[in-house]
């Protein structure tokens, strides 16, 4: 099996929303994004599937060596080989791949975060750096687009945390900051129950507002001239934002069920967002210069 075929198979194993945003990429971008997503899945699986922390730690260190080999030698893993092809086309930085591993490593040693300041580092490592790698593949001209990537990564990760709060709690991981649990008088047992109460709803609403704030900060930083190039990321953002809206309009049923969007809904969002961004780009090019 060729490296790119392996990466494609890895991405197809997941029902991730990434698929719908990949529809509007050219072949070179799709190869790079597929390799990047496969890498994210590989290192995430190390933490999720290894019950022995020392084994998981060794595997993550092995991935550190593979990333180093991409830039300074010859990698062995199919995903690393595919990534080496990708970095020949796009200026993705080695440090960002390493940061992602460091974020996954945090899951081996930390089950709860004392404050949002601590949680934000985790979110940066596991999500914002993926955004920073992604914008290099998609292309940008305004340096502020890096702030867009960082803030959007934070927003999407916070939405993930809200959606998966019950599942994570069952696995012994609580990503809601401990001081906020205390503030809203929510206990771990409440998160493991199947019913909401006034405290949990207030807590979840607070988390949703934070995700919304980062979402708004992200798009405030995205230069109009970079929007069309970044439309794949914007599609992803729109899908996640629709998920957040669904969670909120259903009054935060995240303890009762896993909230998700139908495939047809995701496809509609992808198509309509791509069309909207195309029309916006056309208006920009047709606007008279001063």
C-alpha atoms as a PDB file:
ATOM      1  CA  UNK A   1       0.000   0.000   0.000  1.00  0.00           C
ATOM      2  CA  UNK A   2       1.330   3.426  -0.966  1.00  0.00           C
ATOM      3  CA  UNK A   3       1.716   6.078   1.782  1.00  0.00           C
ATOM      4  CA  UNK A   4      -1.051   8.267   0.378  1.00  0.00           C
ATOM      5  CA  UNK A   5      -3.388   5.262   0.170  1.00  0.00           C
ATOM      6  CA  UNK A   6      -2.661   4.476   3.814  1.00  0.00           C
ATOM      7  CA  UNK A   7      -3.482   8.072   4.788  1.00  0.00           C
ATOM      8  CA  UNK A   8      -6.680   7.978   2.765  1.00  0.00           C
ATOM      9  CA  UNK A   9      -7.737   4.811   4.533  1.00  0.00           C
ATOM     10  CA  UNK A  10      -6.953   6.373   7.895  1.00  0.00           C
ATOM     11  CA  UNK A  11      -9.162   9.367   7.179  1.00  0.00           C
ATOM     12  CA  UNK A  12     -11.996   7.202   5.859  1.00  0.00           C
ATOM     13  CA  UNK A  13     -12.137   5.297   9.140  1.00  0.00           C
ATOM     14  CA  UNK A  14     -13.468   8.433  10.777  1.00  0.00           C
ATOM     15  CA  UNK A  15     -16.806  10.124  10.169  1.00  0.00           C
ATOM     16  CA  UNK A  16     -15.037  13.428  10.715  1.00  0.00           C
ATOM     17  CA  UNK A  17     -16.257  16.667   9.230  1.00  0.00           C
ATOM     18  CA  UNK A  18     -12.830  17.007   7.617  1.00  0.00           C
ATOM     19  CA  UNK A  19     -14.100  15.000   4.637  1.00  0.00           C
ATOM     20  CA  UNK A  20     -16.643  17.628   3.650  1.00  0.00           C
ATOM     21  CA  UNK A  21     -14.137  20.458   3.754  1.00  0.00           C
ATOM     22  CA  UNK A  22     -11.654  18.454   1.635  1.00  0.00           C
ATOM     23  CA  UNK A  23     -14.090  18.453  -1.293  1.00  0.00           C
ATOM     24  CA  UNK A  24     -12.890  21.842  -2.553  1.00  0.00           C
ATOM     25  CA  UNK A  25      -9.126  21.242  -2.464  1.00  0.00           C
ATOM     26  CA  UNK A  26      -6.847  20.744  -5.441  1.00  0.00           C
ATOM     27  CA  UNK A  27      -4.917  17.461  -5.674  1.00  0.00           C
ATOM     28  CA  UNK A  28      -1.722  18.738  -4.036  1.00  0.00           C
ATOM     29  CA  UNK A  29      -3.614  20.347  -1.171  1.00  0.00           C
ATOM     30  CA  UNK A  30      -5.760  17.240  -0.699  1.00  0.00           C
ATOM     31  CA  UNK A  31      -2.662  15.055  -0.447  1.00  0.00           C
ATOM     32  CA  UNK A  32      -1.162  17.349   2.184  1.00  0.00           C
ATOM     33  CA  UNK A  33      -4.364  17.755   4.188  1.00  0.00           C
ATOM     34  CA  UNK A  34      -5.054  14.021   4.118  1.00  0.00           C
ATOM     35  CA  UNK A  35      -1.516  13.314   5.358  1.00  0.00           C
ATOM     36  CA  UNK A  36      -1.897  15.951   8.081  1.00  0.00           C
ATOM     37  CA  UNK A  37      -5.227  14.544   9.242  1.00  0.00           C
ATOM     38  CA  UNK A  38      -3.857  10.977   9.190  1.00  0.00           C
ATOM     39  CA  UNK A  39      -0.979  12.166  11.385  1.00  0.00           C
ATOM     40  CA  UNK A  40      -3.447  13.710  13.838  1.00  0.00           C
ATOM     41  CA  UNK A  41      -5.353  10.418  13.960  1.00  0.00           C
ATOM     42  CA  UNK A  42      -2.182   8.369  14.489  1.00  0.00           C
ATOM     43  CA  UNK A  43      -0.932  10.311  17.501  1.00  0.00           C
ATOM     44  CA  UNK A  44      -4.426  10.636  18.949  1.00  0.00           C
ATOM     45  CA  UNK A  45      -4.922   6.879  18.666  1.00  0.00           C
ATOM     46  CA  UNK A  46      -1.737   6.309  20.654  1.00  0.00           C
ATOM     47  CA  UNK A  47      -3.319   7.985  23.661  1.00  0.00           C
ATOM     48  CA  UNK A  48      -6.822   6.597  23.188  1.00  0.00           C
ATOM     49  CA  UNK A  49      -5.869   2.983  22.480  1.00  0.00           C
ATOM     50  CA  UNK A  50      -2.827   2.381  24.713  1.00  0.00           C
ATOM     51  CA  UNK A  51      -3.823   1.407  28.249  1.00  0.00           C
ATOM     52  CA  UNK A  52      -0.208   1.365  29.437  1.00  0.00           C
ATOM     53  CA  UNK A  53       1.028   4.957  29.854  1.00  0.00           C
ATOM     54  CA  UNK A  54       4.681   3.999  29.491  1.00  0.00           C
ATOM     55  CA  UNK A  55       3.966   2.231  26.186  1.00  0.00           C
ATOM     56  CA  UNK A  56       1.976   5.222  24.956  1.00  0.00           C
ATOM     57  CA  UNK A  57       4.797   7.556  25.986  1.00  0.00           C
ATOM     58  CA  UNK A  58       7.321   5.455  24.085  1.00  0.00           C
ATOM     59  CA  UNK A  59       5.137   5.483  20.991  1.00  0.00           C
ATOM     60  CA  UNK A  60       4.813   9.257  21.125  1.00  0.00           C
ATOM     61  CA  UNK A  61       8.591   9.553  21.443  1.00  0.00           C
ATOM     62  CA  UNK A  62       8.892   7.298  18.397  1.00  0.00           C
ATOM     63  CA  UNK A  63       6.660   9.734  16.530  1.00  0.00           C
ATOM     64  CA  UNK A  64       8.952  12.566  17.601  1.00  0.00           C
ATOM     65  CA  UNK A  65      11.788  10.714  15.903  1.00  0.00           C
ATOM     66  CA  UNK A  66       9.673  10.221  12.787  1.00  0.00           C
ATOM     67  CA  UNK A  67       8.863  13.944  12.598  1.00  0.00           C
ATOM     68  CA  UNK A  68      12.547  14.746  13.023  1.00  0.00           C
ATOM     69  CA  UNK A  69      13.307  12.315  10.185  1.00  0.00           C
ATOM     70  CA  UNK A  70      10.827  14.070   7.897  1.00  0.00           C
ATOM     71  CA  UNK A  71      12.896  17.237   8.095  1.00  0.00           C
ATOM     72  CA  UNK A  72      16.369  15.843   8.666  1.00  0.00           C
ATOM     73  CA  UNK A  73      16.435  12.289   7.354  1.00  0.00           C
ATOM     74  CA  UNK A  74      14.304   9.472   5.970  1.00  0.00           C
ATOM     75  CA  UNK A  75      11.036   8.593   7.750  1.00  0.00           C
ATOM     76  CA  UNK A  76       9.646   5.053   7.882  1.00  0.00           C
ATOM     77  CA  UNK A  77       5.935   5.313   8.680  1.00  0.00           C
ATOM     78  CA  UNK A  78       3.556   5.731   5.685  1.00  0.00           C
ATOM     79  CA  UNK A  79       2.047   8.859   7.237  1.00  0.00           C
ATOM     80  CA  UNK A  80       5.466  10.408   7.816  1.00  0.00           C
ATOM     81  CA  UNK A  81       6.484   9.579   4.234  1.00  0.00           C
ATOM     82  CA  UNK A  82       3.301  11.260   2.969  1.00  0.00           C
ATOM     83  CA  UNK A  83       4.006  14.277   5.169  1.00  0.00           C
ATOM     84  CA  UNK A  84       7.503  14.555   3.729  1.00  0.00           C
ATOM     85  CA  UNK A  85       5.911  14.893   0.295  1.00  0.00           C
ATOM     86  CA  UNK A  86       3.570  17.552   1.689  1.00  0.00           C
ATOM     87  CA  UNK A  87       6.322  19.690   3.220  1.00  0.00           C
ATOM     88  CA  UNK A  88       8.079  19.733  -0.128  1.00  0.00           C
ATOM     89  CA  UNK A  89       5.119  21.809  -1.306  1.00  0.00           C
ATOM     90  CA  UNK A  90       4.094  23.744   1.800  1.00  0.00           C
ATOM     91  CA  UNK A  91       6.146  25.489   4.535  1.00  0.00           C
ATOM     92  CA  UNK A  92       4.786  23.557   7.518  1.00  0.00           C
ATOM     93  CA  UNK A  93       7.025  23.937  10.555  1.00  0.00           C
ATOM     94  CA  UNK A  94       8.507  20.995  12.432  1.00  0.00           C
ATOM     95  CA  UNK A  95       7.774  22.633  15.790  1.00  0.00           C
ATOM     96  CA  UNK A  96       4.035  22.505  15.171  1.00  0.00           C
ATOM     97  CA  UNK A  97       4.068  18.748  14.580  1.00  0.00           C
ATOM     98  CA  UNK A  98       6.069  18.402  17.797  1.00  0.00           C
ATOM     99  CA  UNK A  99       3.612  20.619  19.689  1.00  0.00           C
ATOM    100  CA  UNK A 100       0.776  18.313  18.711  1.00  0.00           C
ATOM    101  CA  UNK A 101       2.648  15.356  20.210  1.00  0.00           C
ATOM    102  CA  UNK A 102       3.216  17.392  23.384  1.00  0.00           C
ATOM    103  CA  UNK A 103      -0.528  18.032  23.546  1.00  0.00           C
ATOM    104  CA  UNK A 104      -1.316  14.336  23.229  1.00  0.00           C
ATOM    105  CA  UNK A 105       1.260  13.652  25.925  1.00  0.00           C
ATOM    106  CA  UNK A 106      -0.658  15.940  28.274  1.00  0.00           C
ATOM    107  CA  UNK A 107      -3.549  13.446  28.098  1.00  0.00           C
ATOM    108  CA  UNK A 108      -1.248  10.768  29.516  1.00  0.00           C
ATOM    109  CA  UNK A 109      -0.498  12.747  32.658  1.00  0.00           C
ATOM    110  CA  UNK A 110      -3.414  15.157  33.155  1.00  0.00           C
ATOM    111  CA  UNK A 111      -7.050  14.197  33.691  1.00  0.00           C
ATOM    112  CA  UNK A 112      -8.269  17.628  34.778  1.00  0.00           C
ATOM    113  CA  UNK A 113      -7.148  21.242  34.462  1.00  0.00           C
ATOM    114  CA  UNK A 114      -7.208  23.670  37.352  1.00  0.00           C
ATOM    115  CA  UNK A 115      -8.039  26.721  35.254  1.00  0.00           C
ATOM    116  CA  UNK A 116      -8.748  27.798  31.701  1.00  0.00           C
ATOM    117  CA  UNK A 117      -5.224  29.157  31.485  1.00  0.00           C
ATOM    118  CA  UNK A 118      -3.954  25.571  31.802  1.00  0.00           C
ATOM    119  CA  UNK A 119      -6.632  24.155  29.500  1.00  0.00           C
ATOM    120  CA  UNK A 120      -5.888  26.748  26.815  1.00  0.00           C
ATOM    121  CA  UNK A 121      -2.337  25.409  26.467  1.00  0.00           C
ATOM    122  CA  UNK A 122      -3.754  21.946  25.825  1.00  0.00           C
ATOM    123  CA  UNK A 123      -6.234  23.349  23.285  1.00  0.00           C
ATOM    124  CA  UNK A 124      -3.476  25.272  21.552  1.00  0.00           C
ATOM    125  CA  UNK A 125      -1.331  22.179  21.208  1.00  0.00           C
ATOM    126  CA  UNK A 126      -3.996  19.769  20.001  1.00  0.00           C
ATOM    127  CA  UNK A 127      -6.031  22.161  17.853  1.00  0.00           C
ATOM    128  CA  UNK A 128      -4.504  25.573  17.189  1.00  0.00           C
ATOM    129  CA  UNK A 129      -1.260  24.110  15.840  1.00  0.00           C
ATOM    130  CA  UNK A 130      -3.315  22.020  13.416  1.00  0.00           C
ATOM    131  CA  UNK A 131      -4.852  25.281  12.245  1.00  0.00           C
ATOM    132  CA  UNK A 132      -1.415  26.835  11.848  1.00  0.00           C
ATOM    133  CA  UNK A 133      -0.317  23.877   9.722  1.00  0.00           C
ATOM    134  CA  UNK A 134      -3.531  23.989   7.711  1.00  0.00           C
ATOM    135  CA  UNK A 135      -3.256  27.641   6.696  1.00  0.00           C
ATOM    136  CA  UNK A 136       0.178  26.923   5.219  1.00  0.00           C
ATOM    137  CA  UNK A 137      -1.411  24.332   2.947  1.00  0.00           C
ATOM    138  CA  UNK A 138      -4.324  26.556   1.987  1.00  0.00           C
ATOM    139  CA  UNK A 139      -2.266  29.728   1.550  1.00  0.00           C
ATOM    140  CA  UNK A 140      -2.502  33.229   2.996  1.00  0.00           C
ATOM    141  CA  UNK A 141      -0.930  36.651   2.547  1.00  0.00           C
ATOM    142  CA  UNK A 142      -1.916  38.504   5.744  1.00  0.00           C
ATOM    143  CA  UNK A 143       0.017  37.652   8.916  1.00  0.00           C
ATOM    144  CA  UNK A 144      -3.168  38.125  10.971  1.00  0.00           C
ATOM    145  CA  UNK A 145      -4.481  34.934   9.422  1.00  0.00           C
ATOM    146  CA  UNK A 146      -2.242  33.149  11.928  1.00  0.00           C
ATOM    147  CA  UNK A 147      -4.356  34.642  14.723  1.00  0.00           C
ATOM    148  CA  UNK A 148      -7.434  33.402  12.873  1.00  0.00           C
ATOM    149  CA  UNK A 149      -5.963  29.883  12.886  1.00  0.00           C
ATOM    150  CA  UNK A 150      -5.061  29.978  16.581  1.00  0.00           C
ATOM    151  CA  UNK A 151      -8.433  31.297  17.733  1.00  0.00           C
ATOM    152  CA  UNK A 152     -10.426  29.038  15.440  1.00  0.00           C
ATOM    153  CA  UNK A 153      -8.516  26.035  16.749  1.00  0.00           C
ATOM    154  CA  UNK A 154      -9.394  27.030  20.304  1.00  0.00           C
ATOM    155  CA  UNK A 155     -13.051  27.476  19.378  1.00  0.00           C
ATOM    156  CA  UNK A 156     -13.337  24.113  17.626  1.00  0.00           C
ATOM    157  CA  UNK A 157     -11.615  22.285  20.465  1.00  0.00           C
ATOM    158  CA  UNK A 158     -13.919  23.887  23.023  1.00  0.00           C
ATOM    159  CA  UNK A 159     -16.903  22.745  20.954  1.00  0.00           C
ATOM    160  CA  UNK A 160     -15.438  19.241  20.920  1.00  0.00           C
ATOM    161  CA  UNK A 161     -15.046  19.337  24.679  1.00  0.00           C
ATOM    162  CA  UNK A 162     -18.656  20.424  25.157  1.00  0.00           C
ATOM    163  CA  UNK A 163     -19.978  17.773  22.771  1.00  0.00           C
ATOM    164  CA  UNK A 164     -17.907  14.962  24.325  1.00  0.00           C
ATOM    165  CA  UNK A 165     -18.149  15.962  27.983  1.00  0.00           C
ATOM    166  CA  UNK A 166     -20.064  12.837  29.081  1.00  0.00           C
ATOM    167  CA  UNK A 167     -17.889  10.433  27.080  1.00  0.00           C
ATOM    168  CA  UNK A 168     -14.693  12.045  28.373  1.00  0.00           C
ATOM    169  CA  UNK A 169     -15.927  11.926  31.974  1.00  0.00           C
ATOM    170  CA  UNK A 170     -16.646   8.222  31.589  1.00  0.00           C
ATOM    171  CA  UNK A 171     -13.020   7.767  30.549  1.00  0.00           C
ATOM    172  CA  UNK A 172     -11.828   9.698  33.584  1.00  0.00           C
ATOM    173  CA  UNK A 173     -11.030  12.927  31.761  1.00  0.00           C
ATOM    174  CA  UNK A 174     -12.675  16.237  32.570  1.00  0.00           C
ATOM    175  CA  UNK A 175     -11.701  19.117  30.323  1.00  0.00           C
ATOM    176  CA  UNK A 176     -13.904  21.684  32.050  1.00  0.00           C
ATOM    177  CA  UNK A 177     -11.581  23.764  34.265  1.00  0.00           C
ATOM    178  CA  UNK A 178     -11.827  22.760  37.902  1.00  0.00           C
ATOM    179  CA  UNK A 179     -12.333  26.310  39.174  1.00  0.00           C
ATOM    180  CA  UNK A 180     -15.332  26.661  36.847  1.00  0.00           C
ATOM    181  CA  UNK A 181     -16.857  23.416  38.095  1.00  0.00           C
ATOM    182  CA  UNK A 182     -16.589  24.869  41.593  1.00  0.00           C
ATOM    183  CA  UNK A 183     -18.012  28.214  40.469  1.00  0.00           C
ATOM    184  CA  UNK A 184     -21.107  26.582  38.959  1.00  0.00           C
ATOM    185  CA  UNK A 185     -21.358  23.939  41.716  1.00  0.00           C
ATOM    186  CA  UNK A 186     -21.079  21.020  39.304  1.00  0.00           C
ATOM    187  CA  UNK A 187     -19.594  17.720  40.469  1.00  0.00           C
ATOM    188  CA  UNK A 188     -18.064  14.866  38.501  1.00  0.00           C
ATOM    189  CA  UNK A 189     -21.076  12.714  39.393  1.00  0.00           C
ATOM    190  CA  UNK A 190     -23.325  15.267  37.721  1.00  0.00           C
ATOM    191  CA  UNK A 191     -21.289  14.962  34.522  1.00  0.00           C
ATOM    192  CA  UNK A 192     -21.640  11.186  34.658  1.00  0.00           C
ATOM    193  CA  UNK A 193     -25.417  11.336  35.074  1.00  0.00           C
ATOM    194  CA  UNK A 194     -27.926  11.276  32.226  1.00  0.00           C
ATOM    195  CA  UNK A 195     -29.776  14.401  33.269  1.00  0.00           C
ATOM    196  CA  UNK A 196     -29.121  18.112  33.238  1.00  0.00           C
ATOM    197  CA  UNK A 197     -29.913  20.448  36.077  1.00  0.00           C
ATOM    198  CA  UNK A 198     -29.734  24.202  36.559  1.00  0.00           C
ATOM    199  CA  UNK A 199     -26.038  24.054  37.492  1.00  0.00           C
ATOM    200  CA  UNK A 200     -24.904  21.950  34.531  1.00  0.00           C
ATOM    201  CA  UNK A 201     -26.923  24.011  32.063  1.00  0.00           C
ATOM    202  CA  UNK A 202     -25.353  27.217  33.383  1.00  0.00           C
ATOM    203  CA  UNK A 203     -21.891  25.655  33.151  1.00  0.00           C
ATOM    204  CA  UNK A 204     -22.449  24.418  29.603  1.00  0.00           C
ATOM    205  CA  UNK A 205     -23.835  27.791  28.548  1.00  0.00           C
ATOM    206  CA  UNK A 206     -20.681  29.433  29.894  1.00  0.00           C
ATOM    207  CA  UNK A 207     -18.503  27.020  27.892  1.00  0.00           C
ATOM    208  CA  UNK A 208     -20.542  27.622  24.748  1.00  0.00           C
ATOM    209  CA  UNK A 209     -20.166  31.389  25.130  1.00  0.00           C
ATOM    210  CA  UNK A 210     -16.386  31.014  25.354  1.00  0.00           C
ATOM    211  CA  UNK A 211     -16.348  28.914  22.178  1.00  0.00           C
ATOM    212  CA  UNK A 212     -18.479  31.587  20.464  1.00  0.00           C
ATOM    213  CA  UNK A 213     -16.098  34.319  21.606  1.00  0.00           C
ATOM    214  CA  UNK A 214     -13.066  32.567  20.116  1.00  0.00           C
ATOM    215  CA  UNK A 215     -15.033  31.900  16.947  1.00  0.00           C
ATOM    216  CA  UNK A 216     -15.770  35.602  16.585  1.00  0.00           C
ATOM    217  CA  UNK A 217     -12.169  36.551  17.371  1.00  0.00           C
ATOM    218  CA  UNK A 218     -10.985  34.144  14.698  1.00  0.00           C
ATOM    219  CA  UNK A 219     -13.053  35.662  11.917  1.00  0.00           C
ATOM    220  CA  UNK A 220     -12.315  39.185  13.073  1.00  0.00           C
ATOM    221  CA  UNK A 221      -8.638  38.396  12.403  1.00  0.00           C
ATOM    222  CA  UNK A 222      -9.159  36.797   8.973  1.00  0.00           C
ATOM    223  CA  UNK A 223      -8.304  39.271   6.217  1.00  0.00           C
ATOM    224  CA  UNK A 224     -10.948  39.493   3.450  1.00  0.00           C
ATOM    225  CA  UNK A 225      -8.303  38.744   0.833  1.00  0.00           C
ATOM    226  CA  UNK A 226      -7.440  35.435   2.495  1.00  0.00           C
ATOM    227  CA  UNK A 227     -10.991  34.140   2.896  1.00  0.00           C
ATOM    228  CA  UNK A 228     -11.269  32.311  -0.423  1.00  0.00           C
ATOM    229  CA  UNK A 229      -7.934  30.561  -0.017  1.00  0.00           C
ATOM    230  CA  UNK A 230      -8.976  29.556   3.493  1.00  0.00           C
ATOM    231  CA  UNK A 231     -12.451  28.362   2.485  1.00  0.00           C
ATOM    232  CA  UNK A 232     -11.679  24.771   3.508  1.00  0.00           C
ATOM    233  CA  UNK A 233     -11.052  25.922   7.085  1.00  0.00           C
ATOM    234  CA  UNK A 234     -14.115  28.148   6.921  1.00  0.00           C
ATOM    235  CA  UNK A 235     -16.232  25.161   5.884  1.00  0.00           C
ATOM    236  CA  UNK A 236     -14.925  23.241   8.891  1.00  0.00           C
ATOM    237  CA  UNK A 237     -15.704  26.226  11.112  1.00  0.00           C
ATOM    238  CA  UNK A 238     -19.260  26.502   9.769  1.00  0.00           C
ATOM    239  CA  UNK A 239     -19.915  22.807  10.396  1.00  0.00           C
ATOM    240  CA  UNK A 240     -18.662  23.050  13.974  1.00  0.00           C
ATOM    241  CA  UNK A 241     -20.577  26.277  14.542  1.00  0.00           C
ATOM    242  CA  UNK A 242     -23.754  24.593  13.339  1.00  0.00           C
ATOM    243  CA  UNK A 243     -23.061  21.798  15.828  1.00  0.00           C
ATOM    244  CA  UNK A 244     -22.627  24.346  18.626  1.00  0.00           C
ATOM    245  CA  UNK A 245     -25.883  26.039  17.635  1.00  0.00           C
ATOM    246  CA  UNK A 246     -27.678  22.685  17.729  1.00  0.00           C
ATOM    247  CA  UNK A 247     -26.328  21.947  21.198  1.00  0.00           C
ATOM    248  CA  UNK A 248     -27.519  25.343  22.404  1.00  0.00           C
ATOM    249  CA  UNK A 249     -30.955  25.276  20.763  1.00  0.00           C
ATOM    250  CA  UNK A 250     -31.582  21.801  22.205  1.00  0.00           C
ATOM    251  CA  UNK A 251     -30.717  23.162  25.660  1.00  0.00           C
ATOM    252  CA  UNK A 252     -27.416  21.301  26.078  1.00  0.00           C
ATOM    253  CA  UNK A 253     -28.467  17.616  25.947  1.00  0.00           C
ATOM    254  CA  UNK A 254     -24.809  16.516  26.016  1.00  0.00           C
ATOM    255  CA  UNK A 255     -25.271  14.362  29.129  1.00  0.00           C
ATOM    256  CA  UNK A 256     -28.112  12.462  27.492  1.00  0.00           C
ATOM    257  CA  UNK A 257     -26.712  11.855  24.013  1.00  0.00           C
ATOM    258  CA  UNK A 258     -23.932  12.696  21.584  1.00  0.00           C
ATOM    259  CA  UNK A 259     -25.162  15.606  19.480  1.00  0.00           C
ATOM    260  CA  UNK A 260     -24.179  15.412  15.823  1.00  0.00           C
ATOM    261  CA  UNK A 261     -25.107  16.731  12.391  1.00  0.00           C
ATOM    262  CA  UNK A 262     -26.503  14.598   9.591  1.00  0.00           C
ATOM    263  CA  UNK A 263     -24.193  13.922   6.647  1.00  0.00           C
ATOM    264  CA  UNK A 264     -26.565  15.718   4.296  1.00  0.00           C
ATOM    265  CA  UNK A 265     -26.520  18.759   6.584  1.00  0.00           C
ATOM    266  CA  UNK A 266     -22.709  18.803   6.543  1.00  0.00           C
ATOM    267  CA  UNK A 267     -22.670  18.494   2.763  1.00  0.00           C
ATOM    268  CA  UNK A 268     -25.127  21.379   2.448  1.00  0.00           C
ATOM    269  CA  UNK A 269     -23.009  23.541   4.741  1.00  0.00           C
ATOM    270  CA  UNK A 270     -19.881  22.702   2.736  1.00  0.00           C
ATOM    271  CA  UNK A 271     -21.494  23.509  -0.599  1.00  0.00           C
ATOM    272  CA  UNK A 272     -23.265  26.689   0.506  1.00  0.00           C
ATOM    273  CA  UNK A 273     -20.179  27.993   2.332  1.00  0.00           C
ATOM    274  CA  UNK A 274     -17.916  27.363  -0.654  1.00  0.00           C
ATOM    275  CA  UNK A 275     -20.393  29.137  -2.914  1.00  0.00           C
ATOM    276  CA  UNK A 276     -20.689  32.079  -0.518  1.00  0.00           C
ATOM    277  CA  UNK A 277     -16.919  32.467  -0.296  1.00  0.00           C
ATOM    278  CA  UNK A 278     -16.582  32.285  -4.079  1.00  0.00           C
ATOM    279  CA  UNK A 279     -19.126  35.072  -4.514  1.00  0.00           C
ATOM    280  CA  UNK A 280     -17.364  37.132  -1.860  1.00  0.00           C
ATOM    281  CA  UNK A 281     -14.013  36.683  -3.637  1.00  0.00           C
ATOM    282  CA  UNK A 282     -15.581  37.789  -6.917  1.00  0.00           C
ATOM    283  CA  UNK A 283     -16.865  40.967  -5.301  1.00  0.00           C
ATOM    284  CA  UNK A 284     -13.397  41.691  -3.959  1.00  0.00           C
ATOM    285  CA  UNK A 285     -11.754  41.339  -7.361  1.00  0.00           C
ATOM    286  CA  UNK A 286     -14.443  43.464  -9.015  1.00  0.00           C
ATOM    287  CA  UNK A 287     -14.331  46.232  -6.405  1.00  0.00           C
ATOM    288  CA  UNK A 288     -12.762  49.431  -7.750  1.00  0.00           C
ATOM    289  CA  UNK A 289      -9.340  50.270  -6.350  1.00  0.00           C
ATOM    290  CA  UNK A 290      -8.768  53.687  -4.794  1.00  0.00           C
END
